[in-house]
Protein backbone atom coordinates (compact mmCIF):
# COMPACT_ATOMS: atom_id res chain seq x y z
CA MET A 1 61.77 67.75 -3.16
CA ARG A 2 63.52 67.25 -6.49
CA ALA A 3 61.38 66.28 -9.47
CA ILE A 4 62.38 62.99 -11.12
CA SER A 5 64.93 63.54 -13.88
CA ARG A 6 64.10 62.58 -17.47
CA SER A 7 67.22 60.44 -17.64
CA GLY A 8 68.27 56.97 -16.55
CA ARG A 9 66.13 56.88 -13.42
CA LEU A 10 62.87 57.24 -15.35
CA ALA A 11 63.99 54.74 -17.93
CA ALA A 12 64.86 52.33 -15.15
CA LEU A 13 61.55 52.94 -13.41
CA SER A 14 59.64 52.29 -16.64
CA ILE A 15 61.45 48.99 -17.11
CA CYS A 16 60.97 48.07 -13.48
CA LEU A 17 57.23 48.52 -13.65
CA GLY A 18 57.16 45.81 -16.25
CA VAL A 19 58.68 43.38 -13.82
CA LEU A 20 56.90 44.55 -10.68
CA LEU A 21 59.66 47.01 -9.84
CA ALA A 22 61.91 44.11 -8.84
CA GLY A 23 65.57 44.83 -8.25
CA CYS A 24 65.45 48.26 -9.81
CA ASN A 25 67.14 50.34 -7.17
CA PRO A 26 69.89 48.50 -5.24
CA ALA A 27 70.20 51.43 -2.84
CA THR A 28 66.67 51.01 -1.51
CA VAL A 29 64.07 48.46 -0.59
CA THR A 30 62.31 47.41 -3.79
CA PRO A 31 58.58 47.96 -4.03
CA SER A 32 58.14 44.40 -5.36
CA GLN A 33 58.72 43.13 -1.85
CA ALA A 34 55.17 44.22 -1.02
CA GLY A 35 53.63 43.21 -4.35
CA SER A 36 52.63 40.08 -6.21
CA ALA A 37 52.52 38.88 -9.78
CA ALA A 38 48.94 40.11 -10.08
CA LEU A 39 50.07 43.74 -9.77
CA SER A 40 51.87 43.85 -13.12
CA ALA A 41 48.86 44.41 -15.37
CA SER A 42 47.20 46.87 -13.00
CA ALA A 43 50.37 48.87 -12.38
CA SER A 44 50.69 49.62 -16.08
CA SER A 45 47.65 51.91 -15.87
CA VAL A 46 49.50 54.30 -13.59
CA ALA A 47 53.00 53.90 -15.03
CA SER A 48 52.61 56.87 -17.35
CA ALA A 49 51.95 59.13 -14.36
CA ALA A 50 55.25 58.14 -12.78
CA ALA A 51 57.03 58.85 -16.05
CA SER A 52 55.55 62.35 -16.14
CA GLY A 53 58.09 63.51 -13.60
CA ILE A 54 55.61 64.32 -10.81
CA ALA A 55 57.59 64.87 -7.64
CA ASP A 56 56.16 63.82 -4.31
CA PRO A 57 56.48 66.55 -1.67
CA GLY A 58 56.80 64.04 1.16
CA ASP A 59 55.55 64.61 4.68
CA GLU A 60 57.83 67.59 5.40
CA PRO A 61 59.09 69.77 2.52
CA ILE A 62 62.86 70.24 2.75
CA GLY A 63 63.73 73.60 4.25
CA SER A 64 60.34 74.07 5.88
CA GLU A 65 59.07 72.24 8.91
CA THR A 66 56.23 74.71 9.55
CA PRO A 67 52.92 73.56 7.99
CA ALA A 68 50.80 75.94 5.96
CA ILE A 69 47.62 74.69 7.61
CA GLY A 70 47.12 75.35 11.33
CA TYR A 71 46.41 72.80 14.01
CA THR A 72 43.28 72.86 16.14
CA PRO A 73 44.10 70.78 19.21
CA GLY A 74 41.88 68.01 20.43
CA PRO A 75 42.30 65.88 23.56
CA THR A 76 45.19 63.45 23.39
CA GLY A 77 45.85 60.50 25.61
CA GLY A 78 49.22 59.04 24.72
CA PRO A 79 49.64 55.51 23.36
CA VAL A 80 46.45 53.59 22.65
CA PRO A 81 46.17 50.34 24.63
CA THR A 82 46.41 47.34 22.33
CA SER A 83 42.85 46.21 23.09
CA SER A 84 41.44 49.68 22.33
CA ALA A 85 43.47 50.05 19.14
CA ALA A 86 42.18 46.74 17.84
CA ALA A 87 38.59 47.88 18.42
CA MET A 88 38.97 51.23 16.65
CA THR A 89 37.18 51.72 13.36
CA ARG A 90 39.35 52.85 10.48
CA LEU A 91 38.42 56.44 9.64
CA PRO A 92 38.79 58.24 6.29
CA GLY A 93 42.41 59.35 5.96
CA GLU A 94 43.82 56.51 8.03
CA PRO A 95 45.89 53.82 6.28
CA ASP A 96 44.91 50.21 5.80
CA PRO A 97 46.54 48.45 8.78
CA ALA A 98 46.93 45.29 6.72
CA LEU A 99 49.17 47.16 4.25
CA THR A 100 50.66 50.02 6.28
CA THR A 101 51.56 49.27 9.89
CA GLY A 102 54.20 51.95 10.42
CA SER A 103 57.79 51.38 11.47
CA THR A 104 60.43 53.40 13.28
CA ASN A 105 64.01 54.46 12.67
CA PRO A 106 66.34 52.76 15.18
CA ALA A 107 68.71 55.73 14.90
CA VAL A 108 66.12 57.94 16.65
CA THR A 109 65.57 57.40 20.37
CA GLN A 110 64.30 59.51 23.23
CA ALA A 111 67.90 59.96 24.38
CA ASP A 112 69.17 61.42 21.09
CA ILE A 113 66.30 63.63 19.91
CA GLY A 114 68.47 66.70 20.54
CA SER A 115 70.85 65.63 17.79
CA THR A 116 68.27 64.12 15.44
CA ILE A 117 64.64 65.19 15.07
CA CYS A 118 65.00 68.37 17.14
CA THR A 119 67.87 69.63 14.96
CA SER A 120 66.65 71.83 12.13
CA GLY A 121 67.20 70.26 8.71
CA TRP A 122 68.01 66.81 10.06
CA THR A 123 65.22 65.06 8.19
CA ALA A 124 66.65 66.20 4.85
CA THR A 125 69.70 64.04 5.54
CA ILE A 126 67.66 60.83 5.65
CA ARG A 127 64.80 61.49 3.22
CA PRO A 128 64.57 58.84 0.48
CA PRO A 129 64.84 59.97 -3.15
CA VAL A 130 61.72 60.75 -5.16
CA SER A 131 62.75 58.01 -7.60
CA TYR A 132 62.06 55.54 -4.79
CA THR A 133 58.90 57.04 -3.30
CA ASN A 134 57.23 57.59 -6.69
CA GLY A 135 57.94 54.01 -7.70
CA LEU A 136 56.49 52.77 -4.44
CA LYS A 137 53.47 55.05 -4.89
CA VAL A 138 52.66 53.45 -8.25
CA THR A 139 52.62 49.99 -6.69
CA GLN A 140 50.68 50.99 -3.59
CA ILE A 141 47.97 52.90 -5.48
CA VAL A 142 47.15 49.52 -7.01
CA GLN A 143 47.41 47.67 -3.71
CA TYR A 144 45.06 50.13 -2.03
CA GLY A 145 42.52 49.71 -4.83
CA TYR A 146 42.05 53.43 -5.38
CA ALA A 147 39.70 54.28 -8.23
CA ASP A 148 41.64 57.50 -8.84
CA LYS A 149 44.97 56.39 -10.27
CA SER A 150 46.42 59.91 -10.63
CA MET A 151 49.79 60.23 -8.91
CA ALA A 152 49.04 63.88 -8.18
CA SER A 153 46.07 62.95 -5.96
CA TYR A 154 48.29 61.39 -3.30
CA GLU A 155 51.28 62.13 -1.12
CA GLU A 156 53.56 59.14 -0.64
CA ASP A 157 53.61 59.76 3.07
CA HIS A 158 55.55 58.33 5.96
CA LEU A 159 52.93 57.08 8.42
CA ILE A 160 55.31 57.71 11.33
CA SER A 161 56.92 60.81 9.92
CA LEU A 162 60.66 61.34 9.66
CA GLU A 163 60.37 64.21 12.13
CA LEU A 164 58.94 61.75 14.66
CA GLY A 165 61.49 59.01 14.12
CA GLY A 166 59.81 57.02 11.38
CA SER A 167 61.64 54.66 9.05
CA PRO A 168 62.68 56.47 5.85
CA THR A 169 62.39 53.53 3.42
CA ASP A 170 60.36 50.69 4.91
CA PRO A 171 57.32 50.17 2.61
CA LYS A 172 55.25 49.41 5.71
CA ASN A 173 55.84 53.01 6.81
CA LEU A 174 54.87 54.60 3.49
CA TRP A 175 51.52 54.80 1.75
CA PRO A 176 49.71 56.89 -0.91
CA GLU A 177 47.78 59.27 1.34
CA PRO A 178 44.96 61.21 -0.39
CA TYR A 179 45.21 64.98 -0.39
CA THR A 180 41.43 65.37 -0.44
CA ILE A 181 39.44 63.24 1.98
CA SER A 182 37.24 64.02 4.96
CA LEU A 183 35.09 62.64 7.77
CA ALA A 184 31.34 62.31 7.30
CA ASP A 185 30.86 65.67 9.03
CA GLY A 186 33.17 67.42 6.55
CA ARG A 187 36.30 67.76 8.71
CA ALA A 188 39.36 67.30 6.49
CA THR A 189 41.65 64.33 7.09
CA GLY A 190 43.94 64.57 4.07
CA ALA A 191 47.72 64.74 3.78
CA HIS A 192 48.09 68.43 4.66
CA ILE A 193 46.11 67.97 7.88
CA LYS A 194 48.38 65.11 8.91
CA ASP A 195 51.48 67.17 8.08
CA ALA A 196 50.35 69.88 10.48
CA PHE A 197 49.59 67.33 13.19
CA GLU A 198 53.06 65.78 12.78
CA THR A 199 54.77 69.10 13.32
CA LYS A 200 52.59 69.89 16.33
CA LEU A 201 53.59 66.57 17.92
CA LYS A 202 57.28 67.09 17.11
CA ASN A 203 57.22 70.49 18.77
CA GLU A 204 55.78 68.89 21.90
CA VAL A 205 58.42 66.16 21.90
CA CYS A 206 61.21 68.70 21.50
CA ALA A 207 59.69 70.87 24.25
CA GLY A 208 59.61 67.90 26.59
CA THR A 209 55.84 67.90 27.05
CA MET A 210 55.38 64.58 25.25
CA THR A 211 57.60 61.53 24.87
CA LEU A 212 58.76 60.26 21.50
CA ALA A 213 56.86 57.00 22.04
CA GLU A 214 53.62 58.87 22.77
CA ALA A 215 53.98 60.98 19.64
CA GLN A 216 54.70 57.91 17.50
CA ALA A 217 51.57 56.23 18.86
CA GLU A 218 49.42 59.25 18.06
CA ILE A 219 50.69 59.59 14.49
CA GLY A 220 50.25 55.86 13.83
CA ILE A 221 47.44 54.04 12.05
CA HIS A 222 44.75 55.78 14.12
CA TRP A 223 46.13 59.31 13.72
CA VAL A 224 42.75 60.82 12.76
CA HIS A 225 41.27 59.66 16.08
CA PHE A 226 44.01 61.53 17.95
CA ARG A 227 43.94 64.58 15.67
CA TYR A 228 40.26 65.19 16.40
CA GLY A 229 40.06 63.60 19.86
CA LEU A 230 37.72 60.82 18.69
CA PRO A 231 37.15 57.58 20.62
């Protein structure tokens, strides 16, 4: 991903943070849609990190859809029934369902995966700019109440990844996912683990061994349960 330039975009972002990021980028959904007036004072504590030019790598680095960390398969069961999903306990590494529900890209369907997600390099054509995702990250770090306010500690990740037909810009499909977090038994559940799981699921969809809908369900708000085959 490109690092944020030191020009007009950063100046605009700095100004926008002062007004809850409202109306700053007409080409995208503004982060203020998910915020409130109470965020202004808190957001200022992380504004300097955004201005530092830290680029967010996103959920799939452009030019490489093969994760550096391998995938150890666990049992998977397709979409979680609504009643079961509601009863699931949120595990470390999973997003807050009140803030991040996930949303899909209507341009990606089961019928057109051959010309979209299963075409190498396709996700690069729809990936939002870092100027947008970093601005959203600043706001959402505050919303999530993280004690660590460092931008570098999180990947502004698509919950339903672009390679599985997730919405590129909907704030409900993006959240500041920690790089370093784990289950009580020490198994990692951070951003790199999810990246590997996303690619594993995409490969299954493109091979025809899993449907797009099943993959989207598994990479949703309870992705850690599916990754490790937990109830």
